[in-house]
Amino acid sequence: MIEKTKFNENSIDEKRKFLLELLEVLKNYDNEVEKDFYLKEISKKLNIREDSVYEAFNRIRFKKTF
């Protein structure tokens, strides 16, 4: 999904929206190893700190909004 989607990597707003889309998909995964792997890949591909990606994922996972 990351490789196929075109977004402006310099736009924080587009990056944030795309991150939210990815995390919504990922929250439905059952396997914790896969989740961890993909969260790290998302961090690398979007050039976002890993801890920020995990924090955003936990907010979505536990239905908090940001």
PDB file of N, CA and C in Angstrom:
ATOM      1  N   MET A   1       0.833  -1.198   0.000  1.00  0.00           N
ATOM      2  CA  MET A   1       0.000   0.000   0.000  1.00  0.00           C
ATOM      3  C   MET A   1       0.872   1.254   0.000  1.00  0.00           C
ATOM      4  N   ILE A   2       1.951   1.224   0.770  1.00  0.00           N
ATOM      5  CA  ILE A   2       2.855   2.380   0.837  1.00  0.00           C
ATOM      6  C   ILE A   2       3.492   2.638  -0.518  1.00  0.00           C
ATOM      7  N   GLU A   3       3.942   1.577  -1.153  1.00  0.00           N
ATOM      8  CA  GLU A   3       4.637   1.715  -2.429  1.00  0.00           C
ATOM      9  C   GLU A   3       3.701   2.189  -3.542  1.00  0.00           C
ATOM     10  N   LYS A   4       2.440   1.826  -3.478  1.00  0.00           N
ATOM     11  CA  LYS A   4       1.499   2.145  -4.541  1.00  0.00           C
ATOM     12  C   LYS A   4       0.861   3.520  -4.403  1.00  0.00           C
ATOM     13  N   THR A   5       0.829   4.053  -3.198  1.00  0.00           N
ATOM     14  CA  THR A   5       0.149   5.318  -2.949  1.00  0.00           C
ATOM     15  C   THR A   5       1.086   6.484  -3.214  1.00  0.00           C
ATOM     16  N   LYS A   6       0.570   7.457  -3.927  1.00  0.00           N
ATOM     17  CA  LYS A   6       1.328   8.679  -4.187  1.00  0.00           C
ATOM     18  C   LYS A   6       0.846   9.750  -3.223  1.00  0.00           C
ATOM     19  N   PHE A   7       1.775  10.325  -2.506  1.00  0.00           N
ATOM     20  CA  PHE A   7       1.449  11.432  -1.629  1.00  0.00           C
ATOM     21  C   PHE A   7       2.653  12.356  -1.574  1.00  0.00           C
ATOM     22  N   ASN A   8       2.420  13.572  -1.226  1.00  0.00           N
ATOM     23  CA  ASN A   8       3.489  14.556  -1.131  1.00  0.00           C
ATOM     24  C   ASN A   8       4.263  14.315   0.164  1.00  0.00           C
ATOM     25  N   GLU A   9       5.465  13.786   0.040  1.00  0.00           N
ATOM     26  CA  GLU A   9       6.277  13.453   1.215  1.00  0.00           C
ATOM     27  C   GLU A   9       6.687  14.686   2.011  1.00  0.00           C
ATOM     28  N   ASN A  10       6.582  15.853   1.408  1.00  0.00           N
ATOM     29  CA  ASN A  10       6.942  17.097   2.091  1.00  0.00           C
ATOM     30  C   ASN A  10       5.761  17.737   2.808  1.00  0.00           C
ATOM     31  N   SER A  11       4.584  17.184   2.612  1.00  0.00           N
ATOM     32  CA  SER A  11       3.379  17.720   3.245  1.00  0.00           C
ATOM     33  C   SER A  11       3.090  16.951   4.531  1.00  0.00           C
ATOM     34  N   ILE A  12       3.169  17.632   5.627  1.00  0.00           N
ATOM     35  CA  ILE A  12       2.890  16.995   6.919  1.00  0.00           C
ATOM     36  C   ILE A  12       1.441  16.528   6.975  1.00  0.00           C
ATOM     37  N   ASP A  13       0.531  17.322   6.432  1.00  0.00           N
ATOM     38  CA  ASP A  13      -0.885  16.957   6.453  1.00  0.00           C
ATOM     39  C   ASP A  13      -1.147  15.684   5.649  1.00  0.00           C
ATOM     40  N   GLU A  14      -0.557  15.573   4.464  1.00  0.00           N
ATOM     41  CA  GLU A  14      -0.734  14.367   3.657  1.00  0.00           C
ATOM     42  C   GLU A  14      -0.099  13.154   4.322  1.00  0.00           C
ATOM     43  N   LYS A  15       1.055  13.354   4.918  1.00  0.00           N
ATOM     44  CA  LYS A  15       1.742  12.261   5.618  1.00  0.00           C
ATOM     45  C   LYS A  15       0.893  11.775   6.789  1.00  0.00           C
ATOM     46  N   ARG A  16       0.316  12.709   7.531  1.00  0.00           N
ATOM     47  CA  ARG A  16      -0.522  12.365   8.684  1.00  0.00           C
ATOM     48  C   ARG A  16      -1.759  11.583   8.238  1.00  0.00           C
ATOM     49  N   LYS A  17      -2.411  12.051   7.179  1.00  0.00           N
ATOM     50  CA  LYS A  17      -3.614  11.368   6.679  1.00  0.00           C
ATOM     51  C   LYS A  17      -3.278   9.958   6.202  1.00  0.00           C
ATOM     52  N   PHE A  18      -2.172   9.837   5.478  1.00  0.00           N
ATOM     53  CA  PHE A  18      -1.773   8.526   4.976  1.00  0.00           C
ATOM     54  C   PHE A  18      -1.401   7.602   6.139  1.00  0.00           C
ATOM     55  N   LEU A  19      -0.706   8.125   7.130  1.00  0.00           N
ATOM     56  CA  LEU A  19      -0.357   7.332   8.308  1.00  0.00           C
ATOM     57  C   LEU A  19      -1.626   6.806   8.975  1.00  0.00           C
ATOM     58  N   LEU A  20      -2.622   7.649   9.135  1.00  0.00           N
ATOM     59  CA  LEU A  20      -3.873   7.216   9.762  1.00  0.00           C
ATOM     60  C   LEU A  20      -4.549   6.112   8.965  1.00  0.00           C
ATOM     61  N   GLU A  21      -4.525   6.216   7.636  1.00  0.00           N
ATOM     62  CA  GLU A  21      -5.102   5.166   6.796  1.00  0.00           C
ATOM     63  C   GLU A  21      -4.378   3.838   7.008  1.00  0.00           C
ATOM     64  N   LEU A  22      -3.060   3.895   7.021  1.00  0.00           N
ATOM     65  CA  LEU A  22      -2.268   2.675   7.217  1.00  0.00           C
ATOM     66  C   LEU A  22      -2.531   2.054   8.585  1.00  0.00           C
ATOM     67  N   LEU A  23      -2.590   2.879   9.595  1.00  0.00           N
ATOM     68  CA  LEU A  23      -2.788   2.368  10.952  1.00  0.00           C
ATOM     69  C   LEU A  23      -4.181   1.779  11.136  1.00  0.00           C
ATOM     70  N   GLU A  24      -5.176   2.343  10.456  1.00  0.00           N
ATOM     71  CA  GLU A  24      -6.533   1.785  10.522  1.00  0.00           C
ATOM     72  C   GLU A  24      -6.549   0.364   9.958  1.00  0.00           C
ATOM     73  N   VAL A  25      -5.811   0.137   8.888  1.00  0.00           N
ATOM     74  CA  VAL A  25      -5.723  -1.201   8.306  1.00  0.00           C
ATOM     75  C   VAL A  25      -4.973  -2.130   9.256  1.00  0.00           C
ATOM     76  N   LEU A  26      -3.869  -1.641   9.773  1.00  0.00           N
ATOM     77  CA  LEU A  26      -2.989  -2.453  10.608  1.00  0.00           C
ATOM     78  C   LEU A  26      -3.638  -2.864  11.931  1.00  0.00           C
ATOM     79  N   LYS A  27      -4.515  -2.062  12.457  1.00  0.00           N
ATOM     80  CA  LYS A  27      -5.123  -2.398  13.753  1.00  0.00           C
ATOM     81  C   LYS A  27      -5.962  -3.668  13.686  1.00  0.00           C
ATOM     82  N   ASN A  28      -6.343  -4.082  12.488  1.00  0.00           N
ATOM     83  CA  ASN A  28      -7.141  -5.293  12.324  1.00  0.00           C
ATOM     84  C   ASN A  28      -6.298  -6.562  12.228  1.00  0.00           C
ATOM     85  N   TYR A  29      -4.999  -6.419  12.167  1.00  0.00           N
ATOM     86  CA  TYR A  29      -4.112  -7.584  12.120  1.00  0.00           C
ATOM     87  C   TYR A  29      -4.109  -8.270  13.487  1.00  0.00           C
ATOM     88  N   ASP A  30      -4.120  -9.575  13.482  1.00  0.00           N
ATOM     89  CA  ASP A  30      -4.108 -10.332  14.726  1.00  0.00           C
ATOM     90  C   ASP A  30      -2.693 -10.632  15.218  1.00  0.00           C
ATOM     91  N   ASN A  31      -1.782 -10.803  14.299  1.00  0.00           N
ATOM     92  CA  ASN A  31      -0.430 -11.232  14.639  1.00  0.00           C
ATOM     93  C   ASN A  31       0.429 -10.051  15.099  1.00  0.00           C
ATOM     94  N   GLU A  32       0.907 -10.124  16.332  1.00  0.00           N
ATOM     95  CA  GLU A  32       1.696  -9.036  16.917  1.00  0.00           C
ATOM     96  C   GLU A  32       3.048  -8.852  16.216  1.00  0.00           C
ATOM     97  N   VAL A  33       3.627  -9.935  15.737  1.00  0.00           N
ATOM     98  CA  VAL A  33       4.911  -9.855  15.030  1.00  0.00           C
ATOM     99  C   VAL A  33       4.726  -9.073  13.728  1.00  0.00           C
ATOM    100  N   GLU A  34       3.661  -9.368  13.015  1.00  0.00           N
ATOM    101  CA  GLU A  34       3.371  -8.635  11.781  1.00  0.00           C
ATOM    102  C   GLU A  34       3.125  -7.161  12.070  1.00  0.00           C
ATOM    103  N   LYS A  35       2.365  -6.865  13.102  1.00  0.00           N
ATOM    104  CA  LYS A  35       2.103  -5.468  13.465  1.00  0.00           C
ATOM    105  C   LYS A  35       3.408  -4.736  13.728  1.00  0.00           C
ATOM    106  N   ASP A  36       4.263  -5.345  14.523  1.00  0.00           N
ATOM    107  CA  ASP A  36       5.535  -4.721  14.859  1.00  0.00           C
ATOM    108  C   ASP A  36       6.374  -4.483  13.606  1.00  0.00           C
ATOM    109  N   PHE A  37       6.434  -5.481  12.747  1.00  0.00           N
ATOM    110  CA  PHE A  37       7.193  -5.360  11.503  1.00  0.00           C
ATOM    111  C   PHE A  37       6.668  -4.199  10.659  1.00  0.00           C
ATOM    112  N   TYR A  38       5.363  -4.153  10.456  1.00  0.00           N
ATOM    113  CA  TYR A  38       4.784  -3.119   9.609  1.00  0.00           C
ATOM    114  C   TYR A  38       4.874  -1.728  10.232  1.00  0.00           C
ATOM    115  N   LEU A  39       4.755  -1.636  11.531  1.00  0.00           N
ATOM    116  CA  LEU A  39       4.921  -0.331  12.177  1.00  0.00           C
ATOM    117  C   LEU A  39       6.335   0.210  11.947  1.00  0.00           C
ATOM    118  N   LYS A  40       7.316  -0.662  12.025  1.00  0.00           N
ATOM    119  CA  LYS A  40       8.696  -0.244  11.767  1.00  0.00           C
ATOM    120  C   LYS A  40       8.881   0.154  10.308  1.00  0.00           C
ATOM    121  N   GLU A  41       8.271  -0.596   9.399  1.00  0.00           N
ATOM    122  CA  GLU A  41       8.365  -0.279   7.965  1.00  0.00           C
ATOM    123  C   GLU A  41       7.689   1.052   7.655  1.00  0.00           C
ATOM    124  N   ILE A  42       6.542   1.292   8.255  1.00  0.00           N
ATOM    125  CA  ILE A  42       5.833   2.559   8.067  1.00  0.00           C
ATOM    126  C   ILE A  42       6.724   3.708   8.522  1.00  0.00           C
ATOM    127  N   SER A  43       7.348   3.537   9.654  1.00  0.00           N
ATOM    128  CA  SER A  43       8.246   4.556  10.185  1.00  0.00           C
ATOM    129  C   SER A  43       9.363   4.874   9.198  1.00  0.00           C
ATOM    130  N   LYS A  44       9.968   3.845   8.651  1.00  0.00           N
ATOM    131  CA  LYS A  44      11.064   4.036   7.690  1.00  0.00           C
ATOM    132  C   LYS A  44      10.584   4.700   6.407  1.00  0.00           C
ATOM    133  N   LYS A  45       9.511   4.161   5.848  1.00  0.00           N
ATOM    134  CA  LYS A  45       9.025   4.639   4.555  1.00  0.00           C
ATOM    135  C   LYS A  45       8.502   6.069   4.603  1.00  0.00           C
ATOM    136  N   LEU A  46       7.869   6.440   5.719  1.00  0.00           N
ATOM    137  CA  LEU A  46       7.309   7.780   5.829  1.00  0.00           C
ATOM    138  C   LEU A  46       8.272   8.760   6.494  1.00  0.00           C
ATOM    139  N   ASN A  47       9.412   8.230   6.930  1.00  0.00           N
ATOM    140  CA  ASN A  47      10.420   9.051   7.590  1.00  0.00           C
ATOM    141  C   ASN A  47       9.843   9.750   8.829  1.00  0.00           C
ATOM    142  N   ILE A  48       9.233   8.932   9.667  1.00  0.00           N
ATOM    143  CA  ILE A  48       8.632   9.390  10.925  1.00  0.00           C
ATOM    144  C   ILE A  48       9.270   8.585  12.044  1.00  0.00           C
ATOM    145  N   ARG A  49       9.566   9.232  13.152  1.00  0.00           N
ATOM    146  CA  ARG A  49      10.176   8.514  14.277  1.00  0.00           C
ATOM    147  C   ARG A  49       9.320   7.316  14.676  1.00  0.00           C
ATOM    148  N   GLU A  50       9.992   6.225  14.944  1.00  0.00           N
ATOM    149  CA  GLU A  50       9.302   4.977  15.284  1.00  0.00           C
ATOM    150  C   GLU A  50       8.393   5.142  16.500  1.00  0.00           C
ATOM    151  N   ASP A  51       8.855   5.833  17.516  1.00  0.00           N
ATOM    152  CA  ASP A  51       8.028   5.995  18.710  1.00  0.00           C
ATOM    153  C   ASP A  51       6.771   6.812  18.416  1.00  0.00           C
ATOM    154  N   SER A  52       6.846   7.732  17.471  1.00  0.00           N
ATOM    155  CA  SER A  52       5.664   8.507  17.079  1.00  0.00           C
ATOM    156  C   SER A  52       4.642   7.633  16.366  1.00  0.00           C
ATOM    157  N   VAL A  53       5.128   6.719  15.538  1.00  0.00           N
ATOM    158  CA  VAL A  53       4.239   5.796  14.830  1.00  0.00           C
ATOM    159  C   VAL A  53       3.546   4.869  15.825  1.00  0.00           C
ATOM    160  N   TYR A  54       4.298   4.346  16.787  1.00  0.00           N
ATOM    161  CA  TYR A  54       3.713   3.462  17.803  1.00  0.00           C
ATOM    162  C   TYR A  54       2.689   4.219  18.654  1.00  0.00           C
ATOM    163  N   GLU A  55       2.999   5.454  18.986  1.00  0.00           N
ATOM    164  CA  GLU A  55       2.068   6.254  19.788  1.00  0.00           C
ATOM    165  C   GLU A  55       0.764   6.489  19.018  1.00  0.00           C
ATOM    166  N   ALA A  56       0.878   6.842  17.745  1.00  0.00           N
ATOM    167  CA  ALA A  56      -0.310   7.054  16.909  1.00  0.00           C
ATOM    168  C   ALA A  56      -1.113   5.759  16.778  1.00  0.00           C
ATOM    169  N   PHE A  57      -0.403   4.640  16.621  1.00  0.00           N
ATOM    170  CA  PHE A  57      -1.075   3.348  16.504  1.00  0.00           C
ATOM    171  C   PHE A  57      -1.853   3.027  17.778  1.00  0.00           C
ATOM    172  N   ASN A  58      -1.254   3.261  18.919  1.00  0.00           N
ATOM    173  CA  ASN A  58      -1.941   2.981  20.185  1.00  0.00           C
ATOM    174  C   ASN A  58      -3.149   3.883  20.374  1.00  0.00           C
ATOM    175  N   ARG A  59      -3.078   5.110  19.913  1.00  0.00           N
ATOM    176  CA  ARG A  59      -4.235   6.008  19.999  1.00  0.00           C
ATOM    177  C   ARG A  59      -5.388   5.468  19.163  1.00  0.00           C
ATOM    178  N   ILE A  60      -5.071   5.017  17.948  1.00  0.00           N
ATOM    179  CA  ILE A  60      -6.104   4.469  17.057  1.00  0.00           C
ATOM    180  C   ILE A  60      -6.636   3.152  17.612  1.00  0.00           C
ATOM    181  N   ARG A  61      -5.730   2.346  18.069  1.00  0.00           N
ATOM    182  CA  ARG A  61      -6.093   1.030  18.586  1.00  0.00           C
ATOM    183  C   ARG A  61      -7.031   1.129  19.778  1.00  0.00           C
ATOM    184  N   PHE A  62      -6.835   2.137  20.599  1.00  0.00           N
ATOM    185  CA  PHE A  62      -7.668   2.296  21.797  1.00  0.00           C
ATOM    186  C   PHE A  62      -8.682   3.421  21.634  1.00  0.00           C
ATOM    187  N   LYS A  63      -8.963   3.772  20.360  1.00  0.00           N
ATOM    188  CA  LYS A  63     -10.030   4.706  19.977  1.00  0.00           C
ATOM    189  C   LYS A  63      -9.842   6.135  20.466  1.00  0.00           C
ATOM    190  N   LYS A  64      -8.616   6.552  20.704  1.00  0.00           N
ATOM    191  CA  LYS A  64      -8.370   7.960  21.029  1.00  0.00           C
ATOM    192  C   LYS A  64      -8.130   8.680  19.717  1.00  0.00           C
ATOM    193  N   THR A  65      -8.477   9.935  19.663  1.00  0.00           N
ATOM    194  CA  THR A  65      -8.254  10.713  18.449  1.00  0.00           C
ATOM    195  C   THR A  65      -7.158  11.726  18.691  1.00  0.00           C
ATOM    196  N   PHE A  66      -6.505  12.118  17.573  1.00  0.00           N
ATOM    197  CA  PHE A  66      -5.481  13.167  17.694  1.00  0.00           C
ATOM    198  C   PHE A  66      -5.549  14.109  16.529  1.00  0.00           C
TER     199      PHE A  66
END
